[in-house]
PDB file of N, CA and C in Angstrom:
ATOM      1  N   UNK A   1      98.810 133.508 120.252  1.00  0.00           N
ATOM      2  CA  UNK A   1      99.036 133.726 118.986  1.00  0.00           C
ATOM      3  C   UNK A   1      99.823 132.132 118.525  1.00  0.00           C
ATOM      4  N   UNK A   2     100.782 132.082 119.231  1.00  0.00           N
ATOM      5  CA  UNK A   2     101.418 130.820 118.831  1.00  0.00           C
ATOM      6  C   UNK A   2     101.011 129.702 119.195  1.00  0.00           C
ATOM      7  N   UNK A   3      99.979 129.541 120.121  1.00  0.00           N
ATOM      8  CA  UNK A   3      99.189 128.531 120.070  1.00  0.00           C
ATOM      9  C   UNK A   3      98.324 127.926 119.091  1.00  0.00           C
ATOM     10  N   UNK A   4      97.720 129.089 118.456  1.00  0.00           N
ATOM     11  CA  UNK A   4      96.390 129.223 117.399  1.00  0.00           C
ATOM     12  C   UNK A   4      97.751 128.740 116.426  1.00  0.00           C
ATOM     13  N   UNK A   5      98.726 128.624 116.223  1.00  0.00           N
ATOM     14  CA  UNK A   5      99.350 128.119 114.841  1.00  0.00           C
ATOM     15  C   UNK A   5      99.702 126.991 115.209  1.00  0.00           C
ATOM     16  N   UNK A   6     100.120 126.493 116.235  1.00  0.00           N
ATOM     17  CA  UNK A   6     100.190 125.042 116.596  1.00  0.00           C
ATOM     18  C   UNK A   6      98.991 124.375 116.238  1.00  0.00           C
ATOM     19  N   UNK A   7      97.960 124.549 117.013  1.00  0.00           N
ATOM     20  CA  UNK A   7      96.378 123.963 116.718  1.00  0.00           C
ATOM     21  C   UNK A   7      96.092 123.707 115.381  1.00  0.00           C
ATOM     22  N   UNK A   8      96.507 124.897 114.554  1.00  0.00           N
ATOM     23  CA  UNK A   8      95.940 125.115 113.412  1.00  0.00           C
ATOM     24  C   UNK A   8      96.939 123.750 112.386  1.00  0.00           C
ATOM     25  N   UNK A   9      98.179 123.753 112.575  1.00  0.00           N
ATOM     26  CA  UNK A   9      99.073 122.577 111.959  1.00  0.00           C
ATOM     27  C   UNK A   9      98.501 121.122 112.401  1.00  0.00           C
ATOM     28  N   UNK A  10      98.449 121.219 113.843  1.00  0.00           N
ATOM     29  CA  UNK A  10      97.733 119.784 114.170  1.00  0.00           C
ATOM     30  C   UNK A  10      96.357 119.426 113.349  1.00  0.00           C
ATOM     31  N   UNK A  11      95.711 120.386 113.576  1.00  0.00           N
ATOM     32  CA  UNK A  11      94.225 120.047 112.560  1.00  0.00           C
ATOM     33  C   UNK A  11      94.534 119.959 111.354  1.00  0.00           C
ATOM     34  N   UNK A  12      95.719 120.592 110.637  1.00  0.00           N
ATOM     35  CA  UNK A  12      95.748 120.286 109.159  1.00  0.00           C
ATOM     36  C   UNK A  12      96.357 118.961 109.177  1.00  0.00           C
ATOM     37  N   UNK A  13      96.975 118.403 109.704  1.00  0.00           N
ATOM     38  CA  UNK A  13      97.940 117.106 109.782  1.00  0.00           C
ATOM     39  C   UNK A  13      97.024 115.890 109.950  1.00  0.00           C
ATOM     40  N   UNK A  14      96.111 116.289 110.911  1.00  0.00           N
ATOM     41  CA  UNK A  14      94.769 115.091 110.853  1.00  0.00           C
ATOM     42  C   UNK A  14      94.136 115.332 110.013  1.00  0.00           C
ATOM     43  N   UNK A  15      93.672 116.229 109.375  1.00  0.00           N
ATOM     44  CA  UNK A  15      92.761 116.458 108.484  1.00  0.00           C
ATOM     45  C   UNK A  15      93.312 115.464 106.635  1.00  0.00           C
ATOM     46  N   UNK A  16      94.767 115.791 106.739  1.00  0.00           N
ATOM     47  CA  UNK A  16      95.364 115.361 105.706  1.00  0.00           C
ATOM     48  C   UNK A  16      95.180 113.964 105.702  1.00  0.00           C
ATOM     49  N   UNK A  17      95.710 113.640 107.225  1.00  0.00           N
ATOM     50  CA  UNK A  17      95.754 112.077 107.235  1.00  0.00           C
ATOM     51  C   UNK A  17      94.506 111.361 107.046  1.00  0.00           C
ATOM     52  N   UNK A  18      93.568 111.879 107.592  1.00  0.00           N
ATOM     53  CA  UNK A  18      92.097 111.609 107.436  1.00  0.00           C
ATOM     54  C   UNK A  18      91.550 111.176 105.831  1.00  0.00           C
ATOM     55  N   UNK A  19      91.890 112.257 104.970  1.00  0.00           N
ATOM     56  CA  UNK A  19      91.785 112.441 103.719  1.00  0.00           C
ATOM     57  C   UNK A  19      92.401 111.469 102.666  1.00  0.00           C
ATOM     58  N   UNK A  20      93.321 111.022 103.231  1.00  0.00           N
ATOM     59  CA  UNK A  20      94.412 110.194 102.153  1.00  0.00           C
ATOM     60  C   UNK A  20      93.729 108.996 101.740  1.00  0.00           C
ATOM     61  N   UNK A  21      93.416 108.489 103.055  1.00  0.00           N
ATOM     62  CA  UNK A  21      92.766 106.805 102.754  1.00  0.00           C
ATOM     63  C   UNK A  21      91.666 106.908 101.683  1.00  0.00           C
ATOM     64  N   UNK A  22      90.764 107.781 101.930  1.00  0.00           N
ATOM     65  CA  UNK A  22      89.686 107.916 100.496  1.00  0.00           C
ATOM     66  C   UNK A  22      89.822 108.127  99.204  1.00  0.00           C
ATOM     67  N   UNK A  23      91.248 109.078  99.074  1.00  0.00           N
ATOM     68  CA  UNK A  23      91.933 109.224  98.075  1.00  0.00           C
ATOM     69  C   UNK A  23      92.401 108.022  97.523  1.00  0.00           C
ATOM     70  N   UNK A  24      93.308 107.423  98.354  1.00  0.00           N
ATOM     71  CA  UNK A  24      93.839 106.105  97.547  1.00  0.00           C
ATOM     72  C   UNK A  24      92.861 105.006  97.249  1.00  0.00           C
ATOM     73  N   UNK A  25      91.694 104.751  97.891  1.00  0.00           N
ATOM     74  CA  UNK A  25      90.686 104.032  97.628  1.00  0.00           C
ATOM     75  C   UNK A  25      89.971 104.411  96.465  1.00  0.00           C
ATOM     76  N   UNK A  26      89.653 105.856  96.262  1.00  0.00           N
ATOM     77  CA  UNK A  26      89.420 106.156  95.043  1.00  0.00           C
ATOM     78  C   UNK A  26      90.024 106.008  93.700  1.00  0.00           C
ATOM     79  N   UNK A  27      91.439 106.420  93.961  1.00  0.00           N
ATOM     80  CA  UNK A  27      92.165 106.095  92.573  1.00  0.00           C
ATOM     81  C   UNK A  27      92.405 104.523  92.417  1.00  0.00           C
ATOM     82  N   UNK A  28      92.286 103.809  93.383  1.00  0.00           N
ATOM     83  CA  UNK A  28      92.264 102.162  92.950  1.00  0.00           C
ATOM     84  C   UNK A  28      91.118 101.774  92.457  1.00  0.00           C
ATOM     85  N   UNK A  29      89.651 102.298  92.591  1.00  0.00           N
ATOM     86  CA  UNK A  29      88.795 101.961  92.304  1.00  0.00           C
ATOM     87  C   UNK A  29      88.834 102.333  90.691  1.00  0.00           C
ATOM     88  N   UNK A  30      88.931 103.448  90.809  1.00  0.00           N
ATOM     89  CA  UNK A  30      88.905 103.882  89.174  1.00  0.00           C
ATOM     90  C   UNK A  30      90.099 103.311  88.264  1.00  0.00           C
ATOM     91  N   UNK A  31      91.150 102.884  88.751  1.00  0.00           N
ATOM     92  CA  UNK A  31      92.072 101.776  88.078  1.00  0.00           C
ATOM     93  C   UNK A  31      91.294 100.342  87.725  1.00  0.00           C
ATOM     94  N   UNK A  32      90.782 100.110  88.729  1.00  0.00           N
ATOM     95  CA  UNK A  32      90.075  98.741  88.740  1.00  0.00           C
ATOM     96  C   UNK A  32      88.921  98.709  87.687  1.00  0.00           C
ATOM     97  N   UNK A  33      88.213 100.052  87.604  1.00  0.00           N
ATOM     98  CA  UNK A  33      87.423  99.839  86.701  1.00  0.00           C
ATOM     99  C   UNK A  33      87.550 100.548  85.272  1.00  0.00           C
ATOM    100  N   UNK A  34      88.527 100.895  84.908  1.00  0.00           N
ATOM    101  CA  UNK A  34      89.398 101.265  84.011  1.00  0.00           C
ATOM    102  C   UNK A  34      89.770  99.970  83.302  1.00  0.00           C
ATOM    103  N   UNK A  35      90.534  99.165  84.322  1.00  0.00           N
ATOM    104  CA  UNK A  35      91.185  98.076  83.750  1.00  0.00           C
ATOM    105  C   UNK A  35      89.946  96.821  83.438  1.00  0.00           C
ATOM    106  N   UNK A  36      88.881  96.878  84.076  1.00  0.00           N
ATOM    107  CA  UNK A  36      87.776  95.926  83.411  1.00  0.00           C
ATOM    108  C   UNK A  36      87.146  96.369  82.514  1.00  0.00           C
ATOM    109  N   UNK A  37      87.081  97.953  82.183  1.00  0.00           N
ATOM    110  CA  UNK A  37      86.730  98.012  80.641  1.00  0.00           C
ATOM    111  C   UNK A  37      87.405  97.666  79.516  1.00  0.00           C
ATOM    112  N   UNK A  38      88.452  97.702  79.761  1.00  0.00           N
ATOM    113  CA  UNK A  38      89.746  97.634  78.774  1.00  0.00           C
ATOM    114  C   UNK A  38      89.640  96.055  78.442  1.00  0.00           C
ATOM    115  N   UNK A  39      89.628  95.234  79.560  1.00  0.00           N
ATOM    116  CA  UNK A  39      89.377  93.717  78.986  1.00  0.00           C
ATOM    117  C   UNK A  39      88.037  93.520  78.582  1.00  0.00           C
ATOM    118  N   UNK A  40      86.850  94.429  78.948  1.00  0.00           N
ATOM    119  CA  UNK A  40      85.521  94.067  78.107  1.00  0.00           C
ATOM    120  C   UNK A  40      85.723  94.381  76.594  1.00  0.00           C
ATOM    121  N   UNK A  41      86.500  95.345  76.621  1.00  0.00           N
ATOM    122  CA  UNK A  41      86.499  95.802  75.176  1.00  0.00           C
ATOM    123  C   UNK A  41      87.258  94.567  74.178  1.00  0.00           C
ATOM    124  N   UNK A  42      88.509  94.079  74.760  1.00  0.00           N
ATOM    125  CA  UNK A  42      89.375  93.464  74.442  1.00  0.00           C
ATOM    126  C   UNK A  42      88.521  91.846  74.419  1.00  0.00           C
ATOM    127  N   UNK A  43      87.646  91.586  75.101  1.00  0.00           N
ATOM    128  CA  UNK A  43      87.087  90.596  74.879  1.00  0.00           C
ATOM    129  C   UNK A  43      85.931  90.143  73.713  1.00  0.00           C
ATOM    130  N   UNK A  44      84.905  91.786  73.534  1.00  0.00           N
ATOM    131  CA  UNK A  44      84.354  92.057  72.518  1.00  0.00           C
ATOM    132  C   UNK A  44      84.868  91.824  71.412  1.00  0.00           C
ATOM    133  N   UNK A  45      86.290  92.683  71.555  1.00  0.00           N
ATOM    134  CA  UNK A  45      86.789  92.411  70.134  1.00  0.00           C
ATOM    135  C   UNK A  45      87.195  91.100  69.378  1.00  0.00           C
ATOM    136  N   UNK A  46      87.464  90.256  70.552  1.00  0.00           N
ATOM    137  CA  UNK A  46      87.646  88.981  70.105  1.00  0.00           C
ATOM    138  C   UNK A  46      86.377  88.049  69.797  1.00  0.00           C
ATOM    139  N   UNK A  47      85.245  88.420  70.518  1.00  0.00           N
ATOM    140  CA  UNK A  47      83.972  87.552  70.127  1.00  0.00           C
ATOM    141  C   UNK A  47      83.705  88.196  68.188  1.00  0.00           C
ATOM    142  N   UNK A  48      84.015  89.223  68.269  1.00  0.00           N
ATOM    143  CA  UNK A  48      83.173  89.858  66.746  1.00  0.00           C
ATOM    144  C   UNK A  48      84.242  89.726  65.577  1.00  0.00           C
ATOM    145  N   UNK A  49      85.603  89.170  65.960  1.00  0.00           N
ATOM    146  CA  UNK A  49      86.712  89.084  65.044  1.00  0.00           C
ATOM    147  C   UNK A  49      85.999  88.613  63.958  1.00  0.00           C
ATOM    148  N   UNK A  50      86.248  88.485  62.144  1.00  0.00           N
ATOM    149  CA  UNK A  50      86.107  88.261  61.401  1.00  0.00           C
ATOM    150  C   UNK A  50      86.318  86.634  61.149  1.00  0.00           C
ATOM    151  N   UNK A  51      87.544  86.210  61.705  1.00  0.00           N
ATOM    152  CA  UNK A  51      87.863  84.926  61.368  1.00  0.00           C
ATOM    153  C   UNK A  51      87.275  83.813  61.826  1.00  0.00           C
ATOM    154  N   UNK A  52      86.531  84.221  62.708  1.00  0.00           N
ATOM    155  CA  UNK A  52      85.658  83.174  63.560  1.00  0.00           C
ATOM    156  C   UNK A  52      84.132  83.064  63.341  1.00  0.00           C
ATOM    157  N   UNK A  53      83.845  84.020  62.710  1.00  0.00           N
ATOM    158  CA  UNK A  53      82.264  84.082  61.592  1.00  0.00           C
ATOM    159  C   UNK A  53      82.325  83.009  60.922  1.00  0.00           C
ATOM    160  N   UNK A  54      81.223  82.423  60.728  1.00  0.00           N
ATOM    161  CA  UNK A  54      81.027  81.405  59.865  1.00  0.00           C
ATOM    162  C   UNK A  54      80.857  82.030  58.309  1.00  0.00           C
ATOM    163  N   UNK A  55      81.491  81.218  57.385  1.00  0.00           N
ATOM    164  CA  UNK A  55      81.483  81.817  55.760  1.00  0.00           C
ATOM    165  C   UNK A  55      80.147  81.403  55.487  1.00  0.00           C
ATOM    166  N   UNK A  56      79.241  82.576  54.859  1.00  0.00           N
ATOM    167  CA  UNK A  56      77.969  82.182  53.830  1.00  0.00           C
ATOM    168  C   UNK A  56      78.082  82.057  52.986  1.00  0.00           C
ATOM    169  N   UNK A  57      77.071  81.294  52.281  1.00  0.00           N
ATOM    170  CA  UNK A  57      77.470  81.260  50.667  1.00  0.00           C
ATOM    171  C   UNK A  57      76.263  81.803  50.257  1.00  0.00           C
ATOM    172  N   UNK A  58      76.161  83.039  49.659  1.00  0.00           N
ATOM    173  CA  UNK A  58      75.149  83.724  49.007  1.00  0.00           C
ATOM    174  C   UNK A  58      75.216  83.170  47.454  1.00  0.00           C
ATOM    175  N   UNK A  59      74.094  83.151  46.747  1.00  0.00           N
ATOM    176  CA  UNK A  59      73.842  83.116  45.535  1.00  0.00           C
ATOM    177  C   UNK A  59      74.233  84.034  44.632  1.00  0.00           C
ATOM    178  N   UNK A  60      74.769  83.708  43.451  1.00  0.00           N
ATOM    179  CA  UNK A  60      75.262  84.896  42.650  1.00  0.00           C
ATOM    180  C   UNK A  60      73.891  85.423  42.012  1.00  0.00           C
ATOM    181  N   UNK A  61      74.029  86.867  41.863  1.00  0.00           N
ATOM    182  CA  UNK A  61      72.705  87.293  41.298  1.00  0.00           C
ATOM    183  C   UNK A  61      72.468  86.576  39.822  1.00  0.00           C
ATOM    184  N   UNK A  62      73.702  86.268  38.699  1.00  0.00           N
ATOM    185  CA  UNK A  62      72.996  85.870  37.398  1.00  0.00           C
ATOM    186  C   UNK A  62      72.882  84.452  37.617  1.00  0.00           C
ATOM    187  N   UNK A  63      73.063  83.976  38.725  1.00  0.00           N
ATOM    188  CA  UNK A  63      72.788  82.322  38.652  1.00  0.00           C
ATOM    189  C   UNK A  63      71.244  82.307  38.789  1.00  0.00           C
ATOM    190  N   UNK A  64      70.775  83.572  39.726  1.00  0.00           N
ATOM    191  CA  UNK A  64      69.245  83.652  39.988  1.00  0.00           C
ATOM    192  C   UNK A  64      68.513  83.800  38.621  1.00  0.00           C
ATOM    193  N   UNK A  65      68.979  84.532  37.660  1.00  0.00           N
ATOM    194  CA  UNK A  65      68.396  85.136  36.644  1.00  0.00           C
ATOM    195  C   UNK A  65      67.936  84.031  35.963  1.00  0.00           C
ATOM    196  N   UNK A  66      68.952  83.059  35.691  1.00  0.00           N
ATOM    197  CA  UNK A  66      68.898  81.918  34.608  1.00  0.00           C
ATOM    198  C   UNK A  66      68.134  80.803  35.244  1.00  0.00           C
TER     199      UNK A  66
END
């Protein structure tokens, strides 16, 4: 009976050690994706900021009638 508990503990330790690496890689991947999305959002905000757009001169409605 004691032998079974020892084997179970060894199996648990081995399983945990094998599952740690994929878990950490998953965390790093998610963090990288989120950082990339954040940078894309900031870049698109800079692209569409109003001070960089050209000023369009529209004729006034009153000037068109006369």
